[in-house]
Amino acid sequence: MLILVVIAGFFFWSVKSGQMDDLEGPAYRILMDDDDIKPEEKKQHKESS
């Protein structure tokens, strides 16, 4: 019974603190990160490499 109370306490704490607000956003942000670079910046990045 005590274990159930502890688990429920951690669950409600994580929900209240915003841990479960957006679970998919960071994964999509990684995939869309390269789209923000302008073509001129890509050209400069390739030349400096």
Protein backbone atom coordinates (compact mmCIF):
# COMPACT_ATOMS: atom_id res chain seq x y z
CA MET A 1 0.00 0.00 0.00
CA LEU A 2 2.85 2.36 0.85
CA ILE A 3 4.50 1.71 -2.52
CA LEU A 4 1.25 2.63 -4.30
CA VAL A 5 1.05 5.93 -2.41
CA VAL A 6 4.68 6.76 -3.25
CA ILE A 7 4.18 5.95 -6.94
CA ALA A 8 0.97 8.00 -7.07
CA GLY A 9 2.77 10.89 -5.35
CA PHE A 10 5.58 10.87 -7.92
CA PHE A 11 3.06 10.66 -10.76
CA PHE A 12 1.00 13.62 -9.57
CA TRP A 13 4.17 15.62 -8.85
CA SER A 14 5.42 15.03 -12.40
CA VAL A 15 2.08 16.04 -13.91
CA LYS A 16 1.90 19.17 -11.75
CA SER A 17 5.47 20.23 -12.56
CA GLY A 18 4.89 19.97 -16.32
CA GLN A 19 6.95 16.88 -17.03
CA MET A 20 4.23 15.41 -19.26
CA ASP A 21 3.04 18.52 -21.08
CA ASP A 22 4.59 17.87 -24.48
CA LEU A 23 6.09 14.44 -25.04
CA GLU A 24 6.40 14.61 -28.85
CA GLY A 25 7.53 18.20 -29.39
CA PRO A 26 11.26 17.72 -28.72
CA ALA A 27 11.38 14.72 -31.06
CA TYR A 28 9.83 16.71 -33.91
CA ARG A 29 12.02 19.73 -33.15
CA ILE A 30 15.12 17.61 -33.79
CA LEU A 31 13.80 16.55 -37.19
CA MET A 32 12.81 20.08 -38.22
CA ASP A 33 15.97 21.79 -36.98
CA ASP A 34 17.76 21.95 -40.36
CA ASP A 35 14.84 23.67 -42.10
CA ASP A 36 15.58 26.95 -40.31
CA ILE A 37 18.93 27.47 -42.11
CA LYS A 38 18.75 29.87 -45.06
CA PRO A 39 20.43 28.84 -48.34
CA GLU A 40 23.05 31.61 -47.96
CA GLU A 41 24.00 30.32 -44.51
CA LYS A 42 24.34 26.76 -45.86
CA LYS A 43 26.72 27.99 -48.56
CA GLN A 44 28.84 29.85 -45.99
CA HIS A 45 28.84 26.83 -43.69
CA LYS A 46 30.07 24.54 -46.49
CA GLU A 47 32.82 26.98 -47.53
CA SER A 48 34.15 27.33 -43.98
CA SER A 49 34.33 23.52 -43.47
